[in-house]
Amino acid sequence: MPGKSVSGPVQIRDGRGRYTESPDTAARDAEVARLRLRGWSYPKIAAHLGFADESGARYAFERAAQTLRSEGVEAALQLALSRLDEEYHVALQVLEANHYAWNEKGLIYNGTELIRDHTPVLNALQVMLRIEDQRNKLLGLYAPTKSQVSVFTQDQIDAEIAALEQEIAEREASRPGARDAGESAAAAGAAGT
């Protein structure tokens, strides 16, 4: 058939039964997408390309579509980064240029020396910071870090306190002389009543 670029069965599973991508499977996925876009049904594509059933053709189409989306996202990212580079370069030119104060009568002098205007420089710095911020967001540099948060109920806290109190009592009871001191204190308390 004209335009058919894949012939015969293509091994798409590894030894553990998992899908593996190779140039052959990528070409097969692309052929599935081409046929699907020409109006072919999944069962017809499956029979034509040797899939076990139509689900194989459907999965191949989804992989091909995902590949196209991924490539499109990468191209859009590169375009956005390129535009940010151009904008940063313009802001850098403003930053590096000499700027002088002026009013409706013209440039403002201090004697014979022109007075510098720092407002454009400060504005350029703000723009450059915003550009860097946008670049960092696009590159995922602000991705959140993983954190683990534990929540304890009052019952859990009370149980832990009780266990610690029990452990303290056991340690005190096992100290040498603790039993004698405890008995003496109990006897003194009983004698005082």
C-alpha atoms as a PDB file:
ATOM      1  CA  MET A   1       0.000   0.000   0.000  1.00  0.00           C
ATOM      2  CA  PRO A   2       1.471   3.430  -0.892  1.00  0.00           C
ATOM      3  CA  GLY A   3       2.755   5.447   2.040  1.00  0.00           C
ATOM      4  CA  LYS A   4       3.075   2.401   4.272  1.00  0.00           C
ATOM      5  CA  SER A   5       6.431   2.685   5.999  1.00  0.00           C
ATOM      6  CA  VAL A   6       6.125  -0.159   8.504  1.00  0.00           C
ATOM      7  CA  SER A   7       6.000  -3.767   7.438  1.00  0.00           C
ATOM      8  CA  GLY A   8       5.622  -6.935   9.417  1.00  0.00           C
ATOM      9  CA  PRO A   9       5.153  -7.335  13.141  1.00  0.00           C
ATOM     10  CA  VAL A  10       7.232  -5.106  15.391  1.00  0.00           C
ATOM     11  CA  GLN A  11       8.322  -6.355  18.838  1.00  0.00           C
ATOM     12  CA  ILE A  12       7.085  -3.695  21.301  1.00  0.00           C
ATOM     13  CA  ARG A  13       7.415  -5.579  24.605  1.00  0.00           C
ATOM     14  CA  ASP A  14      10.509  -6.238  26.679  1.00  0.00           C
ATOM     15  CA  GLY A  15      11.161  -9.530  28.464  1.00  0.00           C
ATOM     16  CA  ARG A  16       8.828  -8.484  31.275  1.00  0.00           C
ATOM     17  CA  GLY A  17       5.925  -7.662  28.977  1.00  0.00           C
ATOM     18  CA  ARG A  18       6.371  -3.871  29.198  1.00  0.00           C
ATOM     19  CA  TYR A  19       6.189  -1.552  26.196  1.00  0.00           C
ATOM     20  CA  THR A  20       9.588  -0.436  24.939  1.00  0.00           C
ATOM     21  CA  GLU A  21      10.132   2.422  22.540  1.00  0.00           C
ATOM     22  CA  SER A  22      12.461   1.978  19.614  1.00  0.00           C
ATOM     23  CA  PRO A  23      12.792   3.555  16.174  1.00  0.00           C
ATOM     24  CA  ASP A  24      10.566   0.776  14.831  1.00  0.00           C
ATOM     25  CA  THR A  25       7.811   1.337  17.400  1.00  0.00           C
ATOM     26  CA  ALA A  26       8.034   5.121  16.966  1.00  0.00           C
ATOM     27  CA  ALA A  27       7.645   4.662  13.194  1.00  0.00           C
ATOM     28  CA  ARG A  28       4.737   2.306  13.780  1.00  0.00           C
ATOM     29  CA  ASP A  29       3.046   4.801  16.128  1.00  0.00           C
ATOM     30  CA  ALA A  30       3.513   7.538  13.521  1.00  0.00           C
ATOM     31  CA  GLU A  31       2.000   5.274  10.852  1.00  0.00           C
ATOM     32  CA  VAL A  32      -1.008   4.631  13.132  1.00  0.00           C
ATOM     33  CA  ALA A  33      -1.459   8.385  13.565  1.00  0.00           C
ATOM     34  CA  ARG A  34      -1.159   8.967   9.797  1.00  0.00           C
ATOM     35  CA  LEU A  35      -3.760   6.294   9.030  1.00  0.00           C
ATOM     36  CA  ARG A  36      -6.089   7.482  11.784  1.00  0.00           C
ATOM     37  CA  LEU A  37      -5.925  11.041  10.448  1.00  0.00           C
ATOM     38  CA  ARG A  38      -6.865   9.656   7.033  1.00  0.00           C
ATOM     39  CA  GLY A  39     -10.058   8.309   8.591  1.00  0.00           C
ATOM     40  CA  TRP A  40      -9.143   4.663   9.166  1.00  0.00           C
ATOM     41  CA  SER A  41     -10.838   2.906  12.073  1.00  0.00           C
ATOM     42  CA  TYR A  42      -8.806   1.353  14.894  1.00  0.00           C
ATOM     43  CA  PRO A  43      -9.824  -2.225  13.942  1.00  0.00           C
ATOM     44  CA  LYS A  44      -8.765  -1.617  10.321  1.00  0.00           C
ATOM     45  CA  ILE A  45      -5.436  -0.097  11.438  1.00  0.00           C
ATOM     46  CA  ALA A  46      -4.854  -3.010  13.836  1.00  0.00           C
ATOM     47  CA  ALA A  47      -5.448  -5.578  11.099  1.00  0.00           C
ATOM     48  CA  HIS A  48      -3.331  -3.642   8.581  1.00  0.00           C
ATOM     49  CA  LEU A  49      -0.319  -3.208  10.867  1.00  0.00           C
ATOM     50  CA  GLY A  50      -0.533  -6.530  12.686  1.00  0.00           C
ATOM     51  CA  PHE A  51      -1.729  -5.464  16.135  1.00  0.00           C
ATOM     52  CA  ALA A  52      -3.338  -8.196  18.241  1.00  0.00           C
ATOM     53  CA  ASP A  53      -6.502  -6.089  18.538  1.00  0.00           C
ATOM     54  CA  GLU A  54      -7.729  -2.527  18.150  1.00  0.00           C
ATOM     55  CA  SER A  55      -6.540  -1.488  21.624  1.00  0.00           C
ATOM     56  CA  GLY A  56      -2.929  -1.782  20.428  1.00  0.00           C
ATOM     57  CA  ALA A  57      -3.686   0.631  17.587  1.00  0.00           C
ATOM     58  CA  ARG A  58      -5.470   2.967  20.003  1.00  0.00           C
ATOM     59  CA  TYR A  59      -2.490   2.988  22.410  1.00  0.00           C
ATOM     60  CA  ALA A  60      -0.095   3.578  19.512  1.00  0.00           C
ATOM     61  CA  PHE A  61      -2.163   6.571  18.410  1.00  0.00           C
ATOM     62  CA  GLU A  62      -2.152   7.966  21.967  1.00  0.00           C
ATOM     63  CA  ARG A  63       1.649   7.562  22.177  1.00  0.00           C
ATOM     64  CA  ALA A  64       2.073   9.347  18.843  1.00  0.00           C
ATOM     65  CA  ALA A  65      -0.205  12.182  19.984  1.00  0.00           C
ATOM     66  CA  GLN A  66       1.696  12.486  23.272  1.00  0.00           C
ATOM     67  CA  THR A  67       4.991  12.684  21.386  1.00  0.00           C
ATOM     68  CA  LEU A  68       3.607  15.470  19.210  1.00  0.00           C
ATOM     69  CA  ARG A  69       2.323  17.337  22.278  1.00  0.00           C
ATOM     70  CA  SER A  70       5.698  16.977  24.017  1.00  0.00           C
ATOM     71  CA  GLU A  71       7.526  18.296  20.972  1.00  0.00           C
ATOM     72  CA  GLY A  72       5.059  21.185  20.725  1.00  0.00           C
ATOM     73  CA  VAL A  73       5.521  22.082  24.387  1.00  0.00           C
ATOM     74  CA  GLU A  74       9.313  22.037  24.004  1.00  0.00           C
ATOM     75  CA  ALA A  75       9.102  24.261  20.913  1.00  0.00           C
ATOM     76  CA  ALA A  76       6.815  26.718  22.735  1.00  0.00           C
ATOM     77  CA  LEU A  77       9.199  26.780  25.706  1.00  0.00           C
ATOM     78  CA  GLN A  78      12.173  27.511  23.466  1.00  0.00           C
ATOM     79  CA  LEU A  79      10.237  30.289  21.715  1.00  0.00           C
ATOM     80  CA  ALA A  80       9.252  31.860  25.050  1.00  0.00           C
ATOM     81  CA  LEU A  81      12.852  31.674  26.322  1.00  0.00           C
ATOM     82  CA  SER A  82      14.115  33.233  23.090  1.00  0.00           C
ATOM     83  CA  ARG A  83      11.668  36.134  23.453  1.00  0.00           C
ATOM     84  CA  LEU A  84      12.726  36.630  27.064  1.00  0.00           C
ATOM     85  CA  ASP A  85      16.364  36.741  25.911  1.00  0.00           C
ATOM     86  CA  GLU A  86      15.510  39.500  23.433  1.00  0.00           C
ATOM     87  CA  GLU A  87      13.561  41.480  26.037  1.00  0.00           C
ATOM     88  CA  TYR A  88      16.411  41.105  28.532  1.00  0.00           C
ATOM     89  CA  HIS A  89      18.881  42.395  25.925  1.00  0.00           C
ATOM     90  CA  VAL A  90      16.740  45.493  25.315  1.00  0.00           C
ATOM     91  CA  ALA A  91      16.477  46.166  29.056  1.00  0.00           C
ATOM     92  CA  LEU A  92      20.247  45.712  29.363  1.00  0.00           C
ATOM     93  CA  GLN A  93      20.809  48.326  26.652  1.00  0.00           C
ATOM     94  CA  VAL A  94      18.618  50.773  28.594  1.00  0.00           C
ATOM     95  CA  LEU A  95      20.523  49.948  31.775  1.00  0.00           C
ATOM     96  CA  GLU A  96      23.919  50.585  30.166  1.00  0.00           C
ATOM     97  CA  ALA A  97      22.943  53.806  28.322  1.00  0.00           C
ATOM     98  CA  ASN A  98      23.532  57.293  29.709  1.00  0.00           C
ATOM     99  CA  HIS A  99      20.339  59.013  30.826  1.00  0.00           C
ATOM    100  CA  TYR A 100      20.136  62.700  31.615  1.00  0.00           C
ATOM    101  CA  ALA A 101      17.481  64.701  33.432  1.00  0.00           C
ATOM    102  CA  TRP A 102      15.381  67.060  31.344  1.00  0.00           C
ATOM    103  CA  ASN A 103      12.289  69.180  31.515  1.00  0.00           C
ATOM    104  CA  GLU A 104      10.136  71.107  29.053  1.00  0.00           C
ATOM    105  CA  LYS A 105      13.031  73.558  28.437  1.00  0.00           C
ATOM    106  CA  GLY A 106      15.516  70.790  27.627  1.00  0.00           C
ATOM    107  CA  LEU A 107      18.369  69.068  29.439  1.00  0.00           C
ATOM    108  CA  ILE A 108      19.101  70.089  33.019  1.00  0.00           C
ATOM    109  CA  TYR A 109      22.629  71.185  33.949  1.00  0.00           C
ATOM    110  CA  ASN A 110      24.418  71.643  37.234  1.00  0.00           C
ATOM    111  CA  GLY A 111      26.720  74.395  36.114  1.00  0.00           C
ATOM    112  CA  THR A 112      28.255  72.937  32.957  1.00  0.00           C
ATOM    113  CA  GLU A 113      27.666  69.293  33.854  1.00  0.00           C
ATOM    114  CA  LEU A 114      24.554  67.365  32.792  1.00  0.00           C
ATOM    115  CA  ILE A 115      22.500  65.912  35.644  1.00  0.00           C
ATOM    116  CA  ARG A 116      22.032  62.149  35.343  1.00  0.00           C
ATOM    117  CA  ASP A 117      18.533  60.632  35.501  1.00  0.00           C
ATOM    118  CA  HIS A 118      18.594  57.274  37.280  1.00  0.00           C
ATOM    119  CA  THR A 119      14.887  56.501  36.774  1.00  0.00           C
ATOM    120  CA  PRO A 120      15.372  54.637  33.458  1.00  0.00           C
ATOM    121  CA  VAL A 121      18.146  52.543  35.015  1.00  0.00           C
ATOM    122  CA  LEU A 122      15.981  51.592  37.983  1.00  0.00           C
ATOM    123  CA  ASN A 123      13.058  50.796  35.667  1.00  0.00           C
ATOM    124  CA  ALA A 124      15.328  48.627  33.499  1.00  0.00           C
ATOM    125  CA  LEU A 125      16.471  46.742  36.597  1.00  0.00           C
ATOM    126  CA  GLN A 126      12.854  46.057  37.567  1.00  0.00           C
ATOM    127  CA  VAL A 127      12.099  44.780  34.066  1.00  0.00           C
ATOM    128  CA  MET A 128      15.195  42.559  34.131  1.00  0.00           C
ATOM    129  CA  LEU A 129      14.129  41.078  37.461  1.00  0.00           C
ATOM    130  CA  ARG A 130      10.649  40.327  36.089  1.00  0.00           C
ATOM    131  CA  ILE A 131      12.202  38.691  33.014  1.00  0.00           C
ATOM    132  CA  GLU A 132      14.460  36.534  35.199  1.00  0.00           C
ATOM    133  CA  ASP A 133      11.476  35.609  37.353  1.00  0.00           C
ATOM    134  CA  GLN A 134       9.500  34.533  34.275  1.00  0.00           C
ATOM    135  CA  ARG A 135      12.485  32.549  32.947  1.00  0.00           C
ATOM    136  CA  ASN A 136      12.873  30.766  36.289  1.00  0.00           C
ATOM    137  CA  LYS A 137       9.162  29.880  36.306  1.00  0.00           C
ATOM    138  CA  LEU A 138       9.339  28.508  32.761  1.00  0.00           C
ATOM    139  CA  LEU A 139      12.374  26.403  33.638  1.00  0.00           C
ATOM    140  CA  GLY A 140      10.704  25.094  36.808  1.00  0.00           C
ATOM    141  CA  LEU A 141      13.278  26.552  39.168  1.00  0.00           C
ATOM    142  CA  TYR A 142      10.557  27.527  41.636  1.00  0.00           C
ATOM    143  CA  ALA A 143       9.161  24.007  41.870  1.00  0.00           C
ATOM    144  CA  PRO A 144       8.107  23.238  45.413  1.00  0.00           C
ATOM    145  CA  THR A 145      10.298  21.019  47.496  1.00  0.00           C
ATOM    146  CA  LYS A 146       8.829  17.930  49.088  1.00  0.00           C
ATOM    147  CA  SER A 147       7.822  18.250  52.707  1.00  0.00           C
ATOM    148  CA  GLN A 148       6.403  15.733  55.104  1.00  0.00           C
ATOM    149  CA  VAL A 149       3.873  16.978  57.598  1.00  0.00           C
ATOM    150  CA  SER A 150       2.624  14.830  60.459  1.00  0.00           C
ATOM    151  CA  VAL A 151      -0.635  15.501  62.262  1.00  0.00           C
ATOM    152  CA  PHE A 152      -1.289  14.060  65.697  1.00  0.00           C
ATOM    153  CA  THR A 153      -4.627  13.833  67.477  1.00  0.00           C
ATOM    154  CA  GLN A 154      -5.039  14.641  71.145  1.00  0.00           C
ATOM    155  CA  ASP A 155      -5.561  10.910  71.852  1.00  0.00           C
ATOM    156  CA  GLN A 156      -2.217  10.103  70.215  1.00  0.00           C
ATOM    157  CA  ILE A 157      -0.478  12.803  72.258  1.00  0.00           C
ATOM    158  CA  ASP A 158      -2.087  11.567  75.501  1.00  0.00           C
ATOM    159  CA  ALA A 159      -1.062   7.977  74.712  1.00  0.00           C
ATOM    160  CA  GLU A 160       2.539   9.068  74.050  1.00  0.00           C
ATOM    161  CA  ILE A 161       2.621  11.044  77.337  1.00  0.00           C
ATOM    162  CA  ALA A 162       1.279   8.025  79.230  1.00  0.00           C
ATOM    163  CA  ALA A 163       3.917   5.768  77.644  1.00  0.00           C
ATOM    164  CA  LEU A 164       6.685   8.221  78.582  1.00  0.00           C
ATOM    165  CA  GLU A 165       5.387   8.502  82.155  1.00  0.00           C
ATOM    166  CA  GLN A 166       5.361   4.688  82.394  1.00  0.00           C
ATOM    167  CA  GLU A 167       8.935   4.533  81.076  1.00  0.00           C
ATOM    168  CA  ILE A 168      10.076   7.141  83.641  1.00  0.00           C
ATOM    169  CA  ALA A 169       8.381   5.239  86.455  1.00  0.00           C
ATOM    170  CA  GLU A 170      10.040   1.986  85.375  1.00  0.00           C
ATOM    171  CA  ARG A 171      13.471   3.620  85.215  1.00  0.00           C
ATOM    172  CA  GLU A 172      13.057   5.185  88.646  1.00  0.00           C
ATOM    173  CA  ALA A 173      11.919   1.870  90.108  1.00  0.00           C
ATOM    174  CA  SER A 174      14.935   0.065  88.658  1.00  0.00           C
ATOM    175  CA  ARG A 175      17.503   2.512  90.132  1.00  0.00           C
ATOM    176  CA  PRO A 176      19.426   1.166  93.165  1.00  0.00           C
ATOM    177  CA  GLY A 177      18.026   2.532  96.411  1.00  0.00           C
ATOM    178  CA  ALA A 178      14.877   3.858  94.733  1.00  0.00           C
ATOM    179  CA  ARG A 179      12.715   1.177  96.348  1.00  0.00           C
ATOM    180  CA  ASP A 180      14.076   1.907  99.831  1.00  0.00           C
ATOM    181  CA  ALA A 181      13.631   5.665  99.365  1.00  0.00           C
ATOM    182  CA  GLY A 182      10.113   5.120  98.075  1.00  0.00           C
ATOM    183  CA  GLU A 183       9.237   2.871 101.020  1.00  0.00           C
ATOM    184  CA  SER A 184      10.780   5.380 103.481  1.00  0.00           C
ATOM    185  CA  ALA A 185       8.763   8.218 101.934  1.00  0.00           C
ATOM    186  CA  ALA A 186       5.594   6.154 102.067  1.00  0.00           C
ATOM    187  CA  ALA A 187       6.261   5.220 105.711  1.00  0.00           C
ATOM    188  CA  ALA A 188       6.984   8.849 106.628  1.00  0.00           C
ATOM    189  CA  GLY A 189       3.787   9.928 104.932  1.00  0.00           C
ATOM    190  CA  ALA A 190       1.804   7.262 106.787  1.00  0.00           C
ATOM    191  CA  ALA A 191       3.389   8.221 110.130  1.00  0.00           C
ATOM    192  CA  GLY A 192       2.500  11.883 109.622  1.00  0.00           C
ATOM    193  CA  THR A 193      -1.227  11.108 109.328  1.00  0.00           C
END
